[in-house]
Amino acid sequence: MSDFQDLVKLIHSIDDKVLLEDFLVALTTEKERQELPKRIDITRALLEGKSQHQVADELKVGISTVTRGAKELAQGNFKALRAEQEVRI
């Protein structure tokens, strides 16, 4: 039985953008494909220093969704987005 690390390895091994998109489309629902980019937008906005309420208002999401992203950041997650933010500064 596969676990999350197997999924990470598989995604990491797909070096063709078309194949990766095909895989992710097959793996996710339409709703998930809309929600995942929004989570990235939430995280980016928090990294820019916006308040949770401001992010929720601007992106039209619930405060609990933004709080979840803030908790992940507080735990040190989203390293790729943090690195992206540092490059922009």
N, C-alpha and C. Protein backbone atom coordinates (compact mmCIF):
# COMPACT_ATOMS: atom_id res chain seq x y z
N MET A 1 0.84 -1.18 0.00
CA MET A 1 0.00 0.00 0.00
C MET A 1 0.89 1.24 0.00
N SER A 2 0.55 2.19 -0.82
CA SER A 2 1.31 3.43 -0.93
C SER A 2 1.02 4.34 0.25
N ASP A 3 2.01 5.16 0.59
CA ASP A 3 1.81 6.17 1.61
C ASP A 3 2.14 7.54 1.01
N PHE A 4 2.07 8.56 1.82
CA PHE A 4 2.27 9.92 1.33
C PHE A 4 3.66 10.11 0.74
N GLN A 5 4.66 9.48 1.34
CA GLN A 5 6.02 9.60 0.81
C GLN A 5 6.12 8.99 -0.59
N ASP A 6 5.37 7.93 -0.85
CA ASP A 6 5.35 7.35 -2.19
C ASP A 6 4.77 8.36 -3.20
N LEU A 7 3.74 9.07 -2.77
CA LEU A 7 3.14 10.10 -3.63
C LEU A 7 4.15 11.20 -3.92
N VAL A 8 4.85 11.65 -2.89
CA VAL A 8 5.86 12.70 -3.05
C VAL A 8 6.93 12.24 -4.04
N LYS A 9 7.41 11.01 -3.87
CA LYS A 9 8.44 10.47 -4.78
C LYS A 9 7.93 10.42 -6.21
N LEU A 10 6.69 9.98 -6.38
CA LEU A 10 6.13 9.88 -7.72
C LEU A 10 6.02 11.26 -8.36
N ILE A 11 5.48 12.22 -7.63
CA ILE A 11 5.35 13.58 -8.18
C ILE A 11 6.73 14.14 -8.51
N HIS A 12 7.68 13.92 -7.64
CA HIS A 12 9.04 14.41 -7.87
C HIS A 12 9.68 13.77 -9.10
N SER A 13 9.29 12.56 -9.40
CA SER A 13 9.89 11.85 -10.54
C SER A 13 9.32 12.27 -11.89
N ILE A 14 8.18 12.95 -11.89
CA ILE A 14 7.55 13.36 -13.14
C ILE A 14 8.17 14.69 -13.58
N ASP A 15 9.05 14.63 -14.56
CA ASP A 15 9.77 15.85 -14.97
C ASP A 15 9.19 16.50 -16.22
N ASP A 16 8.10 15.98 -16.70
CA ASP A 16 7.43 16.55 -17.87
C ASP A 16 6.17 17.27 -17.39
N LYS A 17 6.06 18.56 -17.71
CA LYS A 17 4.94 19.37 -17.23
C LYS A 17 3.59 18.82 -17.68
N VAL A 18 3.50 18.36 -18.91
CA VAL A 18 2.24 17.82 -19.43
C VAL A 18 1.85 16.56 -18.67
N LEU A 19 2.82 15.68 -18.43
CA LEU A 19 2.54 14.46 -17.68
C LEU A 19 2.17 14.77 -16.23
N LEU A 20 2.83 15.75 -15.64
CA LEU A 20 2.52 16.13 -14.27
C LEU A 20 1.11 16.69 -14.18
N GLU A 21 0.76 17.55 -15.10
CA GLU A 21 -0.59 18.11 -15.09
C GLU A 21 -1.63 17.01 -15.28
N ASP A 22 -1.38 16.09 -16.20
CA ASP A 22 -2.29 14.97 -16.42
C ASP A 22 -2.47 14.17 -15.14
N PHE A 23 -1.37 13.88 -14.45
CA PHE A 23 -1.42 13.12 -13.21
C PHE A 23 -2.23 13.84 -12.15
N LEU A 24 -1.96 15.14 -11.97
CA LEU A 24 -2.65 15.90 -10.94
C LEU A 24 -4.13 16.08 -11.25
N VAL A 25 -4.47 16.23 -12.52
CA VAL A 25 -5.88 16.34 -12.90
C VAL A 25 -6.60 15.03 -12.59
N ALA A 26 -5.96 13.91 -12.90
CA ALA A 26 -6.57 12.61 -12.64
C ALA A 26 -6.69 12.34 -11.14
N LEU A 27 -5.78 12.89 -10.37
CA LEU A 27 -5.73 12.62 -8.93
C LEU A 27 -6.71 13.48 -8.13
N THR A 28 -7.04 14.66 -8.64
CA THR A 28 -7.84 15.62 -7.88
C THR A 28 -9.20 15.85 -8.52
N THR A 29 -10.10 16.41 -7.71
CA THR A 29 -11.40 16.83 -8.22
C THR A 29 -11.29 18.27 -8.73
N GLU A 30 -12.28 18.71 -9.46
CA GLU A 30 -12.30 20.09 -9.94
C GLU A 30 -12.27 21.07 -8.77
N LYS A 31 -13.01 20.76 -7.73
CA LYS A 31 -13.03 21.64 -6.55
C LYS A 31 -11.65 21.72 -5.91
N GLU A 32 -10.96 20.60 -5.80
CA GLU A 32 -9.61 20.60 -5.22
C GLU A 32 -8.65 21.40 -6.10
N ARG A 33 -8.84 21.32 -7.42
CA ARG A 33 -7.96 22.09 -8.31
C ARG A 33 -8.21 23.58 -8.19
N GLN A 34 -9.35 23.98 -7.72
CA GLN A 34 -9.63 25.39 -7.46
C GLN A 34 -9.14 25.81 -6.08
N GLU A 35 -9.25 24.91 -5.10
CA GLU A 35 -8.88 25.24 -3.72
C GLU A 35 -7.38 25.27 -3.49
N LEU A 36 -6.64 24.38 -4.09
CA LEU A 36 -5.19 24.31 -3.86
C LEU A 36 -4.47 25.60 -4.24
N PRO A 37 -4.71 26.17 -5.42
CA PRO A 37 -4.05 27.44 -5.74
C PRO A 37 -4.47 28.56 -4.78
N LYS A 38 -5.70 28.52 -4.29
CA LYS A 38 -6.15 29.54 -3.35
C LYS A 38 -5.37 29.43 -2.05
N ARG A 39 -5.05 28.21 -1.62
CA ARG A 39 -4.24 28.03 -0.41
C ARG A 39 -2.85 28.65 -0.60
N ILE A 40 -2.32 28.52 -1.79
CA ILE A 40 -1.02 29.13 -2.07
C ILE A 40 -1.15 30.65 -2.02
N ASP A 41 -2.22 31.19 -2.59
CA ASP A 41 -2.45 32.64 -2.54
C ASP A 41 -2.57 33.12 -1.09
N ILE A 42 -3.25 32.34 -0.25
CA ILE A 42 -3.39 32.69 1.16
C ILE A 42 -2.02 32.76 1.82
N THR A 43 -1.23 31.75 1.58
CA THR A 43 0.10 31.69 2.19
C THR A 43 0.97 32.84 1.72
N ARG A 44 0.95 33.12 0.43
CA ARG A 44 1.74 34.24 -0.09
C ARG A 44 1.33 35.56 0.55
N ALA A 45 0.01 35.76 0.69
CA ALA A 45 -0.47 37.00 1.29
C ALA A 45 -0.04 37.11 2.75
N LEU A 46 -0.08 36.01 3.48
CA LEU A 46 0.39 36.02 4.86
C LEU A 46 1.87 36.32 4.93
N LEU A 47 2.64 35.74 4.02
CA LEU A 47 4.07 36.00 3.99
C LEU A 47 4.39 37.45 3.66
N GLU A 48 3.49 38.12 2.95
CA GLU A 48 3.65 39.54 2.63
C GLU A 48 3.32 40.41 3.85
N GLY A 49 2.83 39.79 4.92
CA GLY A 49 2.54 40.54 6.13
C GLY A 49 1.10 40.98 6.30
N LYS A 50 0.22 40.53 5.42
CA LYS A 50 -1.18 40.91 5.55
C LYS A 50 -1.80 40.18 6.73
N SER A 51 -2.78 40.82 7.36
CA SER A 51 -3.46 40.20 8.49
C SER A 51 -4.38 39.08 8.00
N GLN A 52 -4.71 38.18 8.91
CA GLN A 52 -5.60 37.08 8.53
C GLN A 52 -6.95 37.59 8.04
N HIS A 53 -7.47 38.60 8.70
CA HIS A 53 -8.78 39.14 8.29
C HIS A 53 -8.68 39.81 6.92
N GLN A 54 -7.59 40.51 6.68
CA GLN A 54 -7.40 41.16 5.38
C GLN A 54 -7.33 40.10 4.28
N VAL A 55 -6.59 39.04 4.53
CA VAL A 55 -6.46 37.95 3.53
C VAL A 55 -7.81 37.32 3.27
N ALA A 56 -8.56 37.03 4.34
CA ALA A 56 -9.88 36.42 4.19
C ALA A 56 -10.79 37.31 3.35
N ASP A 57 -10.78 38.60 3.63
CA ASP A 57 -11.62 39.54 2.88
C ASP A 57 -11.20 39.62 1.41
N GLU A 58 -9.89 39.78 1.18
CA GLU A 58 -9.40 39.95 -0.19
C GLU A 58 -9.62 38.70 -1.05
N LEU A 59 -9.42 37.53 -0.46
CA LEU A 59 -9.52 36.29 -1.24
C LEU A 59 -10.89 35.62 -1.12
N LYS A 60 -11.77 36.25 -0.34
CA LYS A 60 -13.13 35.75 -0.17
C LYS A 60 -13.15 34.29 0.30
N VAL A 61 -12.41 34.07 1.39
CA VAL A 61 -12.38 32.75 2.04
C VAL A 61 -12.69 32.94 3.51
N GLY A 62 -13.02 31.86 4.17
CA GLY A 62 -13.31 31.91 5.59
C GLY A 62 -12.04 32.15 6.40
N ILE A 63 -12.23 32.79 7.55
CA ILE A 63 -11.09 33.07 8.41
C ILE A 63 -10.43 31.78 8.87
N SER A 64 -11.19 30.71 9.04
CA SER A 64 -10.61 29.44 9.48
C SER A 64 -9.67 28.87 8.43
N THR A 65 -9.96 29.11 7.17
CA THR A 65 -9.08 28.66 6.09
C THR A 65 -7.76 29.41 6.16
N VAL A 66 -7.84 30.70 6.42
CA VAL A 66 -6.62 31.52 6.53
C VAL A 66 -5.84 31.13 7.79
N THR A 67 -6.55 30.88 8.87
CA THR A 67 -5.90 30.48 10.12
C THR A 67 -5.15 29.17 9.93
N ARG A 68 -5.72 28.26 9.17
CA ARG A 68 -5.03 27.00 8.90
C ARG A 68 -3.69 27.26 8.21
N GLY A 69 -3.68 28.14 7.24
CA GLY A 69 -2.45 28.50 6.55
C GLY A 69 -1.46 29.17 7.48
N ALA A 70 -1.96 30.03 8.36
CA ALA A 70 -1.09 30.72 9.32
C ALA A 70 -0.46 29.72 10.29
N LYS A 71 -1.22 28.71 10.69
CA LYS A 71 -0.68 27.69 11.59
C LYS A 71 0.42 26.89 10.91
N GLU A 72 0.23 26.57 9.64
CA GLU A 72 1.26 25.85 8.89
C GLU A 72 2.53 26.68 8.80
N LEU A 73 2.38 27.97 8.56
CA LEU A 73 3.55 28.86 8.53
C LEU A 73 4.23 28.91 9.89
N ALA A 74 3.44 28.98 10.95
CA ALA A 74 4.00 29.04 12.30
C ALA A 74 4.77 27.76 12.64
N GLN A 75 4.38 26.65 12.03
CA GLN A 75 5.06 25.38 12.27
C GLN A 75 6.29 25.22 11.37
N GLY A 76 6.56 26.24 10.57
CA GLY A 76 7.75 26.19 9.71
C GLY A 76 7.54 25.55 8.36
N ASN A 77 6.29 25.29 8.01
CA ASN A 77 6.00 24.68 6.71
C ASN A 77 5.95 25.73 5.60
N PHE A 78 5.74 25.29 4.40
CA PHE A 78 5.73 26.13 3.20
C PHE A 78 7.10 26.72 2.91
N LYS A 79 8.13 25.90 3.07
CA LYS A 79 9.50 26.36 2.85
C LYS A 79 9.72 26.87 1.42
N ALA A 80 9.09 26.24 0.45
CA ALA A 80 9.25 26.68 -0.94
C ALA A 80 8.67 28.07 -1.13
N LEU A 81 7.53 28.35 -0.51
CA LEU A 81 6.94 29.68 -0.64
C LEU A 81 7.74 30.71 0.14
N ARG A 82 8.31 30.31 1.26
CA ARG A 82 9.18 31.22 2.02
C ARG A 82 10.40 31.59 1.17
N ALA A 83 10.99 30.60 0.52
CA ALA A 83 12.16 30.85 -0.32
C ALA A 83 11.78 31.76 -1.49
N GLU A 84 10.63 31.53 -2.07
CA GLU A 84 10.14 32.38 -3.15
C GLU A 84 10.00 33.82 -2.68
N GLN A 85 9.48 34.00 -1.48
CA GLN A 85 9.28 35.34 -0.90
C GLN A 85 10.64 36.02 -0.71
N GLU A 86 11.63 35.27 -0.24
CA GLU A 86 12.95 35.84 0.00
C GLU A 86 13.59 36.31 -1.30
N VAL A 87 13.35 35.60 -2.38
CA VAL A 87 13.90 35.98 -3.68
C VAL A 87 13.28 37.30 -4.15
N ARG A 88 12.00 37.51 -3.85
CA ARG A 88 11.31 38.72 -4.26
C ARG A 88 11.76 39.94 -3.48
N ILE A 89 12.25 39.74 -2.28
CA ILE A 89 12.64 40.89 -1.43
C ILE A 89 13.93 41.50 -1.87
